[in-house]
Every structure is written in structure tokens, then in C-alpha cells.
Amino acid sequence: MNPEMNTAGPGYHETGEGAEIAPRQYRVTRSDLVRYAGASGDFNVIHWNERIAKSVGLPDVIAHGMLTMALAGRFLTEWAGDPGAVTEFGVRFSAPVVVPDDKGATVEIGGVVTGKLDGNRVAVELTARSGDAKVLTRAHAVVRLA
């Protein structure tokens, strides 16, 4: 169990439209990229080789897009207190998360409840930034609350 997970979770009846979900910051290091590559099978060199990444026009090694999306999913499940609570989830990738070797990167994710649905579900719009870049757009989810 994740010690940071809010096991109580927000209640459906106490959560209103427009409620903000406090942003959280997630660190991403080169070691995280290597572990993610092993788990996903995506060993594209732009995710681990700085020379190759720069030779194709990137500023440095970049995080896997699906890892960035997974951080947004983690944000939602930590907020809801239940990893099975996310019933719909979609994003568009708008900018890469650049991961310098010496300091890594930080991805900040926040959200707002945009609607209340039947079945104790809420619609959520997410924001995700790394540095000055908005890294996800059209990031939305439906989450079932207690």
C-alpha cells in the first residue's frame, strides 16, 4: 500500500463542482526512466542516451509520454484513495518532460472537479506542468468516489 495514498478519499456528497484538487509534485530521474523502460519494454534511445536525444533535436533525454500519463493517474488514485476508482482517463501529450542527468525533472499535477455524475462519479480536468511547459493537455478523467 502506498503510504501517501488517502485511504479515506473524498466523499462524493462532500465534493462539489469546481472543487480544486491540491497540486502534487513528482520527481522524475534518469533512474526512473531506466526502470520504466524495463517495465514497459520501451527502450527508445531518446529516453536514456543524451547524445542521441540531442542529435534528433531534443534538448536532452526526455521521459516516456506514458510515464507522464502514469504520474497523472497516480495523482488521481492518491486523491481518490482507491486505485480502482478511475473509470475513464485520457490525455494529449503537448510537450516532453526533459530529464537532465544531474537534477532530474519535476512534474506538477493538479486538478479541478468539473462535474458530478451518476453513480458517485465526478469528472476531473487535470493540469500537468514541468518547468514552464504544459506537458499534458485535454487531460480528463472520471473518478468514482465513496
Protein backbone atom coordinates (compact mmCIF):
# COMPACT_ATOMS: atom_id res chain seq x y z
CA MET A 1 0.00 0.00 0.00
CA ASN A 2 1.24 3.48 -0.81
CA PRO A 3 1.73 5.37 2.47
CA GLU A 4 0.86 8.64 0.68
CA MET A 5 -2.49 7.34 -0.53
CA ASN A 6 -5.51 8.92 1.08
CA THR A 7 -7.31 5.69 2.00
CA ALA A 8 -10.40 7.58 3.16
CA GLY A 9 -10.67 9.50 -0.11
CA PRO A 10 -13.00 12.42 -0.67
CA GLY A 11 -16.71 11.72 -0.33
CA TYR A 12 -18.99 12.19 -3.33
CA HIS A 13 -21.54 14.22 -1.38
CA GLU A 14 -18.84 16.49 0.09
CA THR A 15 -17.13 17.11 -3.27
CA GLY A 16 -18.68 19.87 -5.34
CA GLU A 17 -18.25 21.03 -8.89
CA GLY A 18 -15.34 23.46 -9.02
CA ALA A 19 -13.52 21.80 -6.12
CA GLU A 20 -9.79 22.09 -6.60
CA ILE A 21 -7.53 19.11 -6.06
CA ALA A 22 -4.32 20.35 -4.46
CA PRO A 23 -1.35 20.02 -6.80
CA ARG A 24 1.40 17.50 -6.11
CA GLN A 25 4.93 17.36 -7.39
CA TYR A 26 6.57 14.19 -8.67
CA ARG A 27 10.31 13.84 -9.27
CA VAL A 28 11.50 12.04 -12.38
CA THR A 29 15.14 10.93 -12.60
CA ARG A 30 17.16 9.10 -15.21
CA SER A 31 16.96 6.03 -12.96
CA ASP A 32 13.15 6.24 -13.14
CA LEU A 33 13.39 6.27 -16.94
CA VAL A 34 15.54 3.14 -16.94
CA ARG A 35 13.11 1.33 -14.63
CA TYR A 36 10.14 2.46 -16.73
CA ALA A 37 11.86 1.29 -19.92
CA GLY A 38 12.35 -2.14 -18.36
CA ALA A 39 8.75 -2.36 -17.19
CA SER A 40 7.23 -1.08 -20.44
CA GLY A 41 9.66 -2.54 -22.96
CA ASP A 42 10.14 0.94 -24.49
CA PHE A 43 13.91 1.23 -24.83
CA ASN A 44 13.86 4.08 -27.36
CA VAL A 45 17.27 5.73 -27.01
CA ILE A 46 15.83 9.24 -26.60
CA HIS A 47 14.78 8.13 -23.11
CA TRP A 48 18.28 7.26 -21.94
CA ASN A 49 21.01 8.49 -24.32
CA GLU A 50 21.69 12.22 -24.15
CA ARG A 51 23.85 12.28 -27.30
CA ILE A 52 21.16 10.63 -29.43
CA ALA A 53 18.37 12.75 -27.91
CA LYS A 54 20.25 15.94 -28.77
CA SER A 55 21.15 14.66 -32.26
CA VAL A 56 17.43 14.42 -33.12
CA GLY A 57 16.72 17.94 -31.91
CA LEU A 58 15.64 17.34 -28.31
CA PRO A 59 17.13 19.49 -25.54
CA ASP A 60 18.12 16.39 -23.54
CA VAL A 61 16.79 12.95 -22.61
CA ILE A 62 13.00 13.00 -22.24
CA ALA A 63 10.60 10.97 -20.13
CA HIS A 64 8.31 8.45 -21.78
CA GLY A 65 4.93 10.04 -22.53
CA MET A 66 3.16 7.12 -20.91
CA LEU A 67 5.23 7.62 -17.75
CA THR A 68 4.00 11.20 -17.63
CA MET A 69 0.43 9.95 -18.08
CA ALA A 70 1.01 7.37 -15.33
CA LEU A 71 2.01 10.18 -12.94
CA ALA A 72 -1.34 11.85 -13.65
CA GLY A 73 -3.08 8.52 -12.95
CA ARG A 74 -1.14 8.21 -9.70
CA PHE A 75 -2.26 11.72 -8.74
CA LEU A 76 -5.90 10.70 -9.26
CA THR A 77 -5.66 7.42 -7.36
CA GLU A 78 -3.84 9.08 -4.45
CA TRP A 79 -6.59 11.71 -4.30
CA ALA A 80 -9.42 9.17 -4.55
CA GLY A 81 -7.79 6.74 -2.11
CA ASP A 82 -8.57 3.79 -4.38
CA PRO A 83 -6.51 2.61 -7.37
CA GLY A 84 -9.69 1.19 -8.93
CA ALA A 85 -11.63 4.45 -8.69
CA VAL A 86 -10.52 5.89 -12.05
CA THR A 87 -13.09 4.65 -14.56
CA GLU A 88 -12.14 6.86 -17.54
CA PHE A 89 -8.86 8.59 -18.29
CA GLY A 90 -7.41 10.36 -21.31
CA VAL A 91 -4.71 12.89 -22.15
CA ARG A 92 -2.91 14.50 -25.07
CA PHE A 93 0.83 14.96 -24.87
CA SER A 94 1.75 18.61 -25.51
CA ALA A 95 5.42 18.86 -24.52
CA PRO A 96 8.09 16.44 -23.36
CA VAL A 97 9.34 16.19 -19.80
CA VAL A 98 13.05 16.94 -20.16
CA VAL A 99 15.11 14.96 -17.64
CA PRO A 100 18.63 16.38 -17.12
CA ASP A 101 21.14 13.88 -15.79
CA ASP A 102 22.28 15.91 -12.81
CA LYS A 103 18.99 17.04 -11.27
CA GLY A 104 16.14 15.19 -12.94
CA ALA A 105 12.78 16.87 -13.52
CA THR A 106 9.70 17.75 -11.53
CA VAL A 107 6.18 17.23 -12.85
CA GLU A 108 3.45 19.15 -11.03
CA ILE A 109 -0.08 17.84 -11.41
CA GLY A 110 -3.27 19.44 -10.15
CA GLY A 111 -6.95 19.13 -10.90
CA VAL A 112 -10.42 20.51 -10.60
CA VAL A 113 -13.76 18.71 -10.37
CA THR A 114 -15.73 19.86 -13.41
CA GLY A 115 -18.94 17.92 -12.88
CA LYS A 116 -20.86 15.47 -10.73
CA LEU A 117 -22.16 12.36 -12.48
CA ASP A 118 -24.45 9.48 -11.50
CA GLY A 119 -23.06 6.52 -9.65
CA ASN A 120 -20.98 8.62 -7.22
CA ARG A 121 -18.68 9.63 -10.08
CA VAL A 122 -17.07 13.01 -10.76
CA ALA A 123 -15.47 14.47 -13.87
CA VAL A 124 -11.98 15.87 -13.31
CA GLU A 125 -9.80 18.08 -15.52
CA LEU A 126 -6.08 17.86 -14.85
CA THR A 127 -3.15 20.19 -15.37
CA ALA A 128 0.40 18.89 -15.69
CA ARG A 129 3.50 21.07 -15.96
CA SER A 130 7.23 20.53 -15.95
CA GLY A 131 9.24 23.71 -15.68
CA ASP A 132 7.49 26.28 -17.85
CA ALA A 133 5.91 23.69 -20.14
CA LYS A 134 2.38 22.35 -20.03
CA VAL A 135 3.14 18.66 -20.67
CA LEU A 136 -0.42 17.29 -20.89
CA THR A 137 -3.49 18.85 -22.49
CA ARG A 138 -7.08 17.67 -22.67
CA ALA A 139 -6.29 15.68 -19.56
CA HIS A 140 -9.54 14.44 -18.10
CA ALA A 141 -10.85 11.59 -16.02
CA VAL A 142 -13.96 10.17 -14.41
CA VAL A 143 -13.42 9.05 -10.83
CA ARG A 144 -15.78 7.06 -8.60
CA LEU A 145 -15.88 8.39 -5.05
CA ALA A 146 -17.13 6.84 -1.83
